[in-house]
Amino acid sequence: MIPLSWYLALSAVLFTIGVAGVVIKRNVISMFMCIELMLNAVNLSLVAFSSYFRDAAGQLFVFIVMTVAAAEAAVGLGIIIAVFRNRESLDVDDASVMRN
């Protein structure tokens, strides 16, 4: 049996990669994928804790996080398409000009 600490370490590594990608990347699609990676890291830790404590609550929270991720993907991709049609670029700096 794999210990809980290994799952949590993998989850921490995935979450760190996601945070680094959001901070470093300038492409909206890459940032979007890194946010999804962070959500999957949280899901991994929820399932690991659920299995460790032999409770189904963590797995139920995973379904909630997956629902939020699906809604975020639908709305986020819609916004990305709208920005691309207006600016013809997926650079974050181009989208920030829209605030003015």
N, C-alpha and C. Protein backbone atom coordinates (compact mmCIF):
# COMPACT_ATOMS: atom_id res chain seq x y z
N MET A 1 0.83 -1.18 0.00
CA MET A 1 0.00 0.00 0.00
C MET A 1 0.88 1.24 0.00
N ILE A 2 0.50 2.20 -0.81
CA ILE A 2 1.26 3.44 -0.92
C ILE A 2 0.86 4.37 0.22
N PRO A 3 1.84 4.95 0.93
CA PRO A 3 1.49 5.82 2.06
C PRO A 3 0.85 7.14 1.61
N LEU A 4 0.12 7.75 2.52
CA LEU A 4 -0.58 9.00 2.23
C LEU A 4 0.38 10.12 1.86
N SER A 5 1.55 10.12 2.46
CA SER A 5 2.52 11.20 2.20
C SER A 5 2.96 11.24 0.74
N TRP A 6 3.00 10.12 0.08
CA TRP A 6 3.38 10.10 -1.34
C TRP A 6 2.32 10.78 -2.18
N TYR A 7 1.06 10.51 -1.89
CA TYR A 7 -0.02 11.16 -2.62
C TYR A 7 0.00 12.67 -2.39
N LEU A 8 0.23 13.05 -1.15
CA LEU A 8 0.26 14.48 -0.84
C LEU A 8 1.47 15.16 -1.46
N ALA A 9 2.59 14.46 -1.52
CA ALA A 9 3.77 15.03 -2.18
C ALA A 9 3.53 15.20 -3.67
N LEU A 10 2.92 14.21 -4.30
CA LEU A 10 2.59 14.33 -5.73
C LEU A 10 1.60 15.46 -5.95
N SER A 11 0.62 15.58 -5.08
CA SER A 11 -0.35 16.66 -5.19
C SER A 11 0.32 18.02 -5.03
N ALA A 12 1.25 18.13 -4.10
CA ALA A 12 1.98 19.39 -3.90
C ALA A 12 2.83 19.73 -5.11
N VAL A 13 3.47 18.73 -5.70
CA VAL A 13 4.29 18.98 -6.90
C VAL A 13 3.40 19.45 -8.06
N LEU A 14 2.27 18.78 -8.27
CA LEU A 14 1.37 19.18 -9.34
C LEU A 14 0.83 20.59 -9.11
N PHE A 15 0.46 20.90 -7.88
CA PHE A 15 -0.06 22.23 -7.58
C PHE A 15 1.02 23.29 -7.78
N THR A 16 2.24 22.99 -7.40
CA THR A 16 3.35 23.93 -7.58
C THR A 16 3.63 24.17 -9.06
N ILE A 17 3.59 23.13 -9.85
CA ILE A 17 3.77 23.28 -11.30
C ILE A 17 2.66 24.16 -11.87
N GLY A 18 1.44 23.96 -11.40
CA GLY A 18 0.32 24.78 -11.86
C GLY A 18 0.48 26.24 -11.50
N VAL A 19 0.88 26.50 -10.25
CA VAL A 19 1.08 27.89 -9.81
C VAL A 19 2.21 28.55 -10.61
N ALA A 20 3.30 27.82 -10.80
CA ALA A 20 4.42 28.36 -11.57
C ALA A 20 3.99 28.65 -13.01
N GLY A 21 3.18 27.78 -13.58
CA GLY A 21 2.70 28.01 -14.94
C GLY A 21 1.82 29.23 -15.05
N VAL A 22 0.95 29.45 -14.06
CA VAL A 22 0.09 30.63 -14.09
C VAL A 22 0.92 31.90 -13.94
N VAL A 23 1.93 31.86 -13.10
CA VAL A 23 2.75 33.05 -12.86
C VAL A 23 3.67 33.34 -14.05
N ILE A 24 4.23 32.31 -14.65
CA ILE A 24 5.24 32.50 -15.69
C ILE A 24 4.64 32.68 -17.08
N LYS A 25 3.65 31.90 -17.42
CA LYS A 25 3.12 31.89 -18.79
C LYS A 25 2.38 33.19 -19.11
N ARG A 26 2.43 33.59 -20.36
CA ARG A 26 1.71 34.77 -20.82
C ARG A 26 0.58 34.39 -21.76
N ASN A 27 0.51 33.13 -22.16
CA ASN A 27 -0.54 32.66 -23.05
C ASN A 27 -1.75 32.24 -22.22
N VAL A 28 -2.93 32.69 -22.63
CA VAL A 28 -4.14 32.42 -21.86
C VAL A 28 -4.45 30.93 -21.82
N ILE A 29 -4.26 30.22 -22.91
CA ILE A 29 -4.54 28.79 -22.95
C ILE A 29 -3.61 28.04 -21.99
N SER A 30 -2.35 28.40 -21.95
CA SER A 30 -1.41 27.75 -21.04
C SER A 30 -1.78 28.03 -19.59
N MET A 31 -2.19 29.24 -19.30
CA MET A 31 -2.62 29.58 -17.95
C MET A 31 -3.87 28.80 -17.57
N PHE A 32 -4.76 28.65 -18.52
CA PHE A 32 -5.99 27.91 -18.31
C PHE A 32 -5.69 26.44 -17.98
N MET A 33 -4.75 25.85 -18.71
CA MET A 33 -4.37 24.47 -18.44
C MET A 33 -3.70 24.33 -17.08
N CYS A 34 -2.93 25.32 -16.66
CA CYS A 34 -2.28 25.28 -15.36
C CYS A 34 -3.30 25.39 -14.23
N ILE A 35 -4.35 26.16 -14.43
CA ILE A 35 -5.42 26.23 -13.43
C ILE A 35 -6.11 24.88 -13.30
N GLU A 36 -6.35 24.22 -14.43
CA GLU A 36 -6.94 22.88 -14.39
C GLU A 36 -6.00 21.89 -13.69
N LEU A 37 -4.70 22.05 -13.87
CA LEU A 37 -3.73 21.19 -13.19
C LEU A 37 -3.81 21.39 -11.68
N MET A 38 -3.97 22.64 -11.24
CA MET A 38 -4.11 22.91 -9.81
C MET A 38 -5.38 22.28 -9.26
N LEU A 39 -6.47 22.36 -10.00
CA LEU A 39 -7.72 21.75 -9.55
C LEU A 39 -7.57 20.22 -9.45
N ASN A 40 -6.87 19.62 -10.39
CA ASN A 40 -6.64 18.17 -10.33
C ASN A 40 -5.72 17.78 -9.17
N ALA A 41 -4.79 18.65 -8.82
CA ALA A 41 -3.95 18.39 -7.65
C ALA A 41 -4.78 18.38 -6.37
N VAL A 42 -5.71 19.30 -6.28
CA VAL A 42 -6.61 19.33 -5.13
C VAL A 42 -7.48 18.08 -5.11
N ASN A 43 -7.96 17.67 -6.28
CA ASN A 43 -8.77 16.45 -6.35
C ASN A 43 -7.97 15.23 -5.87
N LEU A 44 -6.72 15.15 -6.26
CA LEU A 44 -5.88 14.04 -5.83
C LEU A 44 -5.74 14.00 -4.31
N SER A 45 -5.51 15.16 -3.71
CA SER A 45 -5.38 15.17 -2.25
C SER A 45 -6.71 14.86 -1.57
N LEU A 46 -7.83 15.30 -2.13
CA LEU A 46 -9.13 14.97 -1.55
C LEU A 46 -9.40 13.46 -1.59
N VAL A 47 -9.09 12.84 -2.71
CA VAL A 47 -9.29 11.39 -2.83
C VAL A 47 -8.33 10.64 -1.91
N ALA A 48 -7.11 11.13 -1.78
CA ALA A 48 -6.15 10.47 -0.90
C ALA A 48 -6.61 10.53 0.56
N PHE A 49 -7.07 11.70 0.99
CA PHE A 49 -7.57 11.81 2.36
C PHE A 49 -8.83 10.98 2.55
N SER A 50 -9.68 10.95 1.54
CA SER A 50 -10.90 10.16 1.63
C SER A 50 -10.57 8.67 1.78
N SER A 51 -9.60 8.21 1.06
CA SER A 51 -9.19 6.81 1.17
C SER A 51 -8.50 6.53 2.51
N TYR A 52 -7.69 7.47 2.95
CA TYR A 52 -6.95 7.28 4.20
C TYR A 52 -7.89 7.20 5.41
N PHE A 53 -8.88 8.10 5.44
CA PHE A 53 -9.81 8.14 6.57
C PHE A 53 -11.03 7.25 6.36
N ARG A 54 -11.10 6.57 5.22
CA ARG A 54 -12.21 5.66 4.90
C ARG A 54 -13.56 6.37 5.01
N ASP A 55 -13.61 7.56 4.38
CA ASP A 55 -14.81 8.37 4.39
C ASP A 55 -15.10 8.81 2.96
N ALA A 56 -16.35 8.82 2.58
CA ALA A 56 -16.73 9.17 1.20
C ALA A 56 -16.88 10.66 1.00
N ALA A 57 -16.73 11.47 2.03
CA ALA A 57 -16.94 12.92 1.90
C ALA A 57 -15.93 13.54 0.94
N GLY A 58 -14.68 13.09 0.98
CA GLY A 58 -13.67 13.63 0.07
C GLY A 58 -13.99 13.35 -1.38
N GLN A 59 -14.53 12.17 -1.65
CA GLN A 59 -14.89 11.83 -3.02
C GLN A 59 -16.10 12.64 -3.48
N LEU A 60 -17.00 12.97 -2.57
CA LEU A 60 -18.12 13.83 -2.93
C LEU A 60 -17.64 15.24 -3.25
N PHE A 61 -16.65 15.72 -2.50
CA PHE A 61 -16.09 17.03 -2.80
C PHE A 61 -15.38 17.04 -4.15
N VAL A 62 -14.82 15.92 -4.55
CA VAL A 62 -14.18 15.82 -5.86
C VAL A 62 -15.21 16.06 -6.96
N PHE A 63 -16.41 15.51 -6.79
CA PHE A 63 -17.45 15.75 -7.79
C PHE A 63 -17.84 17.22 -7.84
N ILE A 64 -17.85 17.88 -6.70
CA ILE A 64 -18.16 19.31 -6.68
C ILE A 64 -17.06 20.10 -7.38
N VAL A 65 -15.80 19.76 -7.10
CA VAL A 65 -14.68 20.45 -7.75
C VAL A 65 -14.70 20.20 -9.25
N MET A 66 -15.03 18.97 -9.66
CA MET A 66 -15.11 18.67 -11.10
C MET A 66 -16.23 19.46 -11.77
N THR A 67 -17.34 19.65 -11.08
CA THR A 67 -18.45 20.45 -11.61
C THR A 67 -18.03 21.90 -11.78
N VAL A 68 -17.35 22.44 -10.77
CA VAL A 68 -16.86 23.81 -10.86
C VAL A 68 -15.82 23.94 -11.98
N ALA A 69 -14.97 22.94 -12.14
CA ALA A 69 -13.96 22.96 -13.20
C ALA A 69 -14.61 22.92 -14.58
N ALA A 70 -15.69 22.14 -14.73
CA ALA A 70 -16.38 22.09 -16.01
C ALA A 70 -17.05 23.42 -16.33
N ALA A 71 -17.66 24.03 -15.32
CA ALA A 71 -18.27 25.34 -15.53
C ALA A 71 -17.22 26.39 -15.85
N GLU A 72 -16.10 26.32 -15.15
CA GLU A 72 -15.01 27.25 -15.40
C GLU A 72 -14.44 27.07 -16.81
N ALA A 73 -14.37 25.83 -17.26
CA ALA A 73 -13.86 25.57 -18.60
C ALA A 73 -14.81 26.14 -19.66
N ALA A 74 -16.10 25.96 -19.46
CA ALA A 74 -17.06 26.47 -20.43
C ALA A 74 -17.04 28.00 -20.49
N VAL A 75 -17.08 28.64 -19.35
CA VAL A 75 -17.08 30.10 -19.31
C VAL A 75 -15.72 30.65 -19.74
N GLY A 76 -14.65 30.03 -19.25
CA GLY A 76 -13.31 30.49 -19.60
C GLY A 76 -13.01 30.39 -21.08
N LEU A 77 -13.38 29.28 -21.70
CA LEU A 77 -13.13 29.15 -23.14
C LEU A 77 -13.98 30.14 -23.94
N GLY A 78 -15.18 30.41 -23.47
CA GLY A 78 -16.01 31.43 -24.13
C GLY A 78 -15.36 32.80 -24.07
N ILE A 79 -14.83 33.15 -22.92
CA ILE A 79 -14.14 34.44 -22.79
C ILE A 79 -12.88 34.46 -23.63
N ILE A 80 -12.14 33.37 -23.66
CA ILE A 80 -10.91 33.30 -24.46
C ILE A 80 -11.24 33.49 -25.94
N ILE A 81 -12.29 32.85 -26.42
CA ILE A 81 -12.69 32.99 -27.83
C ILE A 81 -13.10 34.43 -28.12
N ALA A 82 -13.83 35.06 -27.20
CA ALA A 82 -14.25 36.45 -27.40
C ALA A 82 -13.05 37.39 -27.45
N VAL A 83 -12.09 37.18 -26.56
CA VAL A 83 -10.88 38.02 -26.55
C VAL A 83 -10.08 37.79 -27.82
N PHE A 84 -9.97 36.54 -28.27
CA PHE A 84 -9.21 36.25 -29.48
C PHE A 84 -9.87 36.89 -30.71
N ARG A 85 -11.20 36.88 -30.76
CA ARG A 85 -11.88 37.50 -31.91
C ARG A 85 -11.67 39.01 -31.93
N ASN A 86 -11.61 39.64 -30.77
CA ASN A 86 -11.43 41.09 -30.71
C ASN A 86 -9.98 41.51 -30.89
N ARG A 87 -9.06 40.81 -30.27
CA ARG A 87 -7.65 41.20 -30.26
C ARG A 87 -6.77 40.39 -31.20
N GLU A 88 -7.24 39.23 -31.65
CA GLU A 88 -6.48 38.31 -32.49
C GLU A 88 -5.15 37.92 -31.85
N SER A 89 -5.18 37.80 -30.54
CA SER A 89 -4.00 37.39 -29.78
C SER A 89 -4.47 36.73 -28.49
N LEU A 90 -3.69 35.79 -28.00
CA LEU A 90 -4.01 35.13 -26.74
C LEU A 90 -3.05 35.55 -25.63
N ASP A 91 -2.39 36.68 -25.82
CA ASP A 91 -1.46 37.18 -24.82
C ASP A 91 -2.25 37.89 -23.71
N VAL A 92 -1.85 37.65 -22.48
CA VAL A 92 -2.56 38.23 -21.34
C VAL A 92 -2.41 39.75 -21.33
N ASP A 93 -1.27 40.26 -21.74
CA ASP A 93 -1.05 41.70 -21.74
C ASP A 93 -1.99 42.40 -22.72
N ASP A 94 -2.33 41.75 -23.83
CA ASP A 94 -3.28 42.33 -24.78
C ASP A 94 -4.67 42.40 -24.19
N ALA A 95 -5.05 41.42 -23.38
CA ALA A 95 -6.36 41.41 -22.76
C ALA A 95 -6.46 42.46 -21.66
N SER A 96 -5.36 42.78 -21.01
CA SER A 96 -5.41 43.76 -19.94
C SER A 96 -5.63 45.17 -20.47
N VAL A 97 -5.37 45.39 -21.76
CA VAL A 97 -5.60 46.70 -22.38
C VAL A 97 -7.11 46.96 -22.48
N MET A 98 -7.91 45.91 -22.45
CA MET A 98 -9.36 46.08 -22.59
C MET A 98 -9.97 46.79 -21.39
N ARG A 99 -9.27 46.88 -20.26
CA ARG A 99 -9.81 47.54 -19.09
C ARG A 99 -9.91 49.04 -19.29
N ASN A 100 -9.06 49.63 -20.08
CA ASN A 100 -9.03 51.10 -20.25
C ASN A 100 -10.14 51.60 -21.12
